[in-house]
Amino acid sequence: METHKDLRVWQQSVELVTSIYLITKAFPKEEMFGLALQMRRAAVSIPSNIAEGYARGTDREKLHFLRISSGSMSEVETQLLLSLNLGYITQESYVELSEHLTSVCKQLNALISTIKKRLSPQEQSSSLPQTTKRPNDQTTKRPNDQTTKRPNDQMTTPQKTTNPQTTKRLTPQTPNNYADQQIPACQ
């Protein structure tokens, strides 16, 4: 039986995590609990969700976790671009990591396609188990006999308005044309 450790996509995603950890070591100290931590967590999520998916019993569950992994790759993609814009990584590092990320994305997308082919058309439409929804107008009783709305009932919150005269527009230190960036296609 094949395990996640046998998958090339898992092996390369572990290498990507290692590269992300090494490059974020050089980030400014004030970013250690900001962008660096977020990049590390998103990167770790890629091989972790591949592993969790392969530990599950069905292809449908496996597909669900592989899609989460794909979402984490999109997060890393965005965080790499932010790191470049903020001057935390060089263009060379950005290109190298983006190419590695693109390779993992392509492999993961191929794996997702292979698993989807094994599913019935009904199973392909959703990787999540079907749930039943309760009507929104139901109420529940608390132990002290107070009638309350269920937690999933909609509540409105006041909208915050901003004064255009006091709102400043933040721009990166070096303007980038995002169309020129070599950004991987993770979806």
Protein backbone atom coordinates (compact mmCIF):
# COMPACT_ATOMS: atom_id res chain seq x y z
CA MET A 1 0.00 0.00 0.00
CA GLU A 2 1.28 3.45 -0.94
CA THR A 3 1.81 5.95 1.88
CA HIS A 4 2.28 9.68 1.71
CA LYS A 5 6.04 9.18 2.14
CA ASP A 6 6.14 7.41 -1.23
CA LEU A 7 4.66 10.41 -3.03
CA ARG A 8 7.07 12.68 -4.87
CA VAL A 9 4.74 15.63 -4.27
CA TRP A 10 4.98 15.08 -0.50
CA GLN A 11 8.78 14.74 -0.65
CA GLN A 12 9.17 17.94 -2.68
CA SER A 13 6.76 19.84 -0.44
CA VAL A 14 8.87 18.86 2.59
CA GLU A 15 11.90 20.30 0.74
CA LEU A 16 9.90 23.47 0.09
CA VAL A 17 9.11 23.81 3.81
CA THR A 18 12.82 23.47 4.61
CA SER A 19 13.65 26.22 2.10
CA ILE A 20 10.94 28.49 3.55
CA TYR A 21 12.28 27.98 7.08
CA LEU A 22 15.84 28.78 5.97
CA ILE A 23 14.88 31.93 4.07
CA THR A 24 12.59 33.28 6.81
CA LYS A 25 15.45 33.04 9.33
CA ALA A 26 16.85 36.16 7.66
CA PHE A 27 13.61 38.16 8.03
CA PRO A 28 13.67 41.15 10.39
CA LYS A 29 13.02 40.28 14.03
CA GLU A 30 9.72 42.17 14.01
CA GLU A 31 8.47 39.74 11.34
CA MET A 32 9.22 36.57 13.31
CA PHE A 33 5.63 36.53 14.62
CA GLY A 34 4.15 38.11 11.51
CA LEU A 35 4.86 37.24 7.90
CA ALA A 36 7.64 34.75 8.69
CA LEU A 37 5.44 32.74 11.04
CA GLN A 38 2.51 32.86 8.61
CA MET A 39 4.71 31.64 5.73
CA ARG A 40 6.07 28.82 7.84
CA ARG A 41 2.63 27.68 8.95
CA ALA A 42 1.20 27.78 5.43
CA ALA A 43 4.23 25.91 4.06
CA VAL A 44 4.03 23.23 6.78
CA SER A 45 0.35 22.81 5.97
CA ILE A 46 1.16 21.61 2.44
CA PRO A 47 2.88 18.28 3.25
CA SER A 48 0.90 17.90 6.48
CA ASN A 49 -2.43 17.87 4.65
CA ILE A 50 -1.08 15.51 2.00
CA ALA A 51 -0.06 13.16 4.81
CA GLU A 52 -3.39 13.49 6.61
CA GLY A 53 -5.30 12.87 3.40
CA TYR A 54 -3.39 9.67 2.78
CA ALA A 55 -4.08 8.51 6.32
CA ARG A 56 -7.84 8.77 5.69
CA GLY A 57 -9.96 5.85 4.57
CA THR A 58 -11.61 7.10 1.40
CA ASP A 59 -10.62 8.88 -1.79
CA ARG A 60 -13.23 11.52 -1.02
CA GLU A 61 -11.55 12.37 2.29
CA LYS A 62 -8.13 12.24 0.65
CA LEU A 63 -9.31 14.70 -1.98
CA HIS A 64 -10.60 17.06 0.71
CA PHE A 65 -7.18 17.29 2.39
CA LEU A 66 -5.34 17.59 -0.93
CA ARG A 67 -7.51 20.60 -1.74
CA ILE A 68 -6.63 22.16 1.62
CA SER A 69 -2.98 21.61 0.72
CA SER A 70 -3.59 23.39 -2.58
CA GLY A 71 -5.08 26.34 -0.72
CA SER A 72 -2.01 26.50 1.50
CA MET A 73 0.16 26.70 -1.62
CA SER A 74 -1.78 29.75 -2.73
CA GLU A 75 -1.11 31.31 0.66
CA VAL A 76 2.63 30.66 0.32
CA GLU A 77 2.53 32.09 -3.20
CA THR A 78 1.04 35.33 -1.88
CA GLN A 79 3.41 35.50 1.07
CA LEU A 80 6.42 35.05 -1.20
CA LEU A 81 5.31 38.00 -3.30
CA LEU A 82 4.78 40.10 -0.17
CA SER A 83 8.26 39.13 1.04
CA LEU A 84 9.74 40.25 -2.26
CA ASN A 85 7.81 43.54 -2.22
CA LEU A 86 8.94 44.28 1.32
CA GLY A 87 12.57 43.55 0.46
CA TYR A 88 12.85 40.51 2.75
CA ILE A 89 13.91 38.19 -0.09
CA THR A 90 15.82 38.78 -3.30
CA GLN A 91 14.39 38.42 -6.79
CA GLU A 92 16.63 35.37 -7.22
CA SER A 93 15.23 33.70 -4.07
CA TYR A 94 11.70 34.59 -5.13
CA VAL A 95 12.16 32.98 -8.56
CA GLU A 96 13.79 29.86 -7.08
CA LEU A 97 11.05 29.36 -4.47
CA SER A 98 8.30 30.14 -6.99
CA GLU A 99 9.66 27.53 -9.39
CA HIS A 100 9.77 24.97 -6.58
CA LEU A 101 6.22 25.90 -5.59
CA THR A 102 5.07 25.61 -9.22
CA SER A 103 6.54 22.11 -9.43
CA VAL A 104 4.70 21.04 -6.27
CA CYS A 105 1.48 22.67 -7.54
CA LYS A 106 1.60 20.78 -10.82
CA GLN A 107 2.20 17.47 -9.07
CA LEU A 108 -0.56 18.08 -6.57
CA ASN A 109 -3.01 19.07 -9.30
CA ALA A 110 -2.14 15.88 -11.20
CA LEU A 111 -2.71 13.81 -8.06
CA ILE A 112 -6.06 15.53 -7.44
CA SER A 113 -7.10 14.81 -11.05
CA THR A 114 -6.13 11.14 -10.72
CA ILE A 115 -8.13 10.72 -7.53
CA LYS A 116 -11.14 12.57 -8.98
CA LYS A 117 -11.22 10.11 -11.89
CA ARG A 118 -11.68 7.26 -9.42
CA LEU A 119 -14.72 8.94 -7.84
CA SER A 120 -18.27 8.73 -9.12
CA PRO A 121 -19.67 11.95 -10.69
CA GLN A 122 -21.74 12.58 -7.55
CA GLU A 123 -18.69 12.22 -5.28
CA GLN A 124 -16.63 14.53 -7.53
CA SER A 125 -18.96 17.47 -6.98
CA SER A 126 -17.98 17.79 -3.35
CA SER A 127 -15.13 16.51 -1.26
CA LEU A 128 -16.98 17.23 1.97
CA PRO A 129 -19.60 14.99 3.55
CA GLN A 130 -23.19 16.09 3.03
CA THR A 131 -24.80 17.79 6.01
CA THR A 132 -28.36 18.73 6.73
CA LYS A 133 -29.19 22.31 7.64
CA ARG A 134 -31.71 23.33 10.25
CA PRO A 135 -34.14 26.13 9.42
CA ASN A 136 -32.86 29.54 10.59
CA ASP A 137 -36.04 30.41 12.46
CA GLN A 138 -35.64 27.72 15.15
CA THR A 139 -34.79 28.72 18.69
CA THR A 140 -33.13 26.81 21.46
CA LYS A 141 -33.56 26.85 25.24
CA ARG A 142 -30.66 27.48 27.57
CA PRO A 143 -30.55 25.68 30.93
CA ASN A 144 -31.93 28.79 32.66
CA ASP A 145 -35.00 28.71 30.32
CA GLN A 146 -34.01 31.78 28.32
CA THR A 147 -35.06 31.62 24.70
CA THR A 148 -32.13 32.51 22.44
CA LYS A 149 -31.26 32.46 18.76
CA ARG A 150 -29.03 29.64 17.57
CA PRO A 151 -25.36 30.57 16.97
CA ASN A 152 -25.67 30.29 13.18
CA ASP A 153 -28.46 32.87 12.94
CA GLN A 154 -27.37 36.00 11.11
CA MET A 155 -26.57 39.10 13.08
CA THR A 156 -25.89 42.49 11.66
CA THR A 157 -22.90 44.57 12.64
CA PRO A 158 -22.54 48.29 12.09
CA GLN A 159 -20.40 49.18 9.11
CA LYS A 160 -17.31 51.22 9.83
CA THR A 161 -16.99 54.29 7.70
CA THR A 162 -13.72 56.00 6.90
CA ASN A 163 -12.99 59.61 6.25
CA PRO A 164 -11.30 59.84 2.83
CA GLN A 165 -9.32 62.88 4.00
CA THR A 166 -7.64 60.92 6.81
CA THR A 167 -7.16 57.61 4.99
CA LYS A 168 -3.61 57.13 3.69
CA ARG A 169 -2.78 54.79 0.86
CA LEU A 170 0.11 52.46 1.62
CA THR A 171 2.34 51.43 -1.26
CA PRO A 172 5.28 49.05 -1.42
CA GLN A 173 8.77 50.56 -1.28
CA THR A 174 9.45 49.33 -4.81
CA PRO A 175 6.53 49.36 -7.23
CA ASN A 176 5.93 46.01 -8.91
CA ASN A 177 4.03 45.16 -12.02
CA TYR A 178 2.36 41.95 -10.89
CA ALA A 179 1.71 40.88 -14.47
CA ASP A 180 5.50 40.63 -14.94
CA GLN A 181 6.00 38.39 -11.90
CA GLN A 182 6.53 34.67 -12.42
CA ILE A 183 3.71 33.48 -10.18
CA PRO A 184 2.82 29.77 -10.16
CA ALA A 185 -0.62 28.61 -11.15
CA CYS A 186 -1.74 26.64 -8.11
CA GLN A 187 -5.37 26.25 -9.03
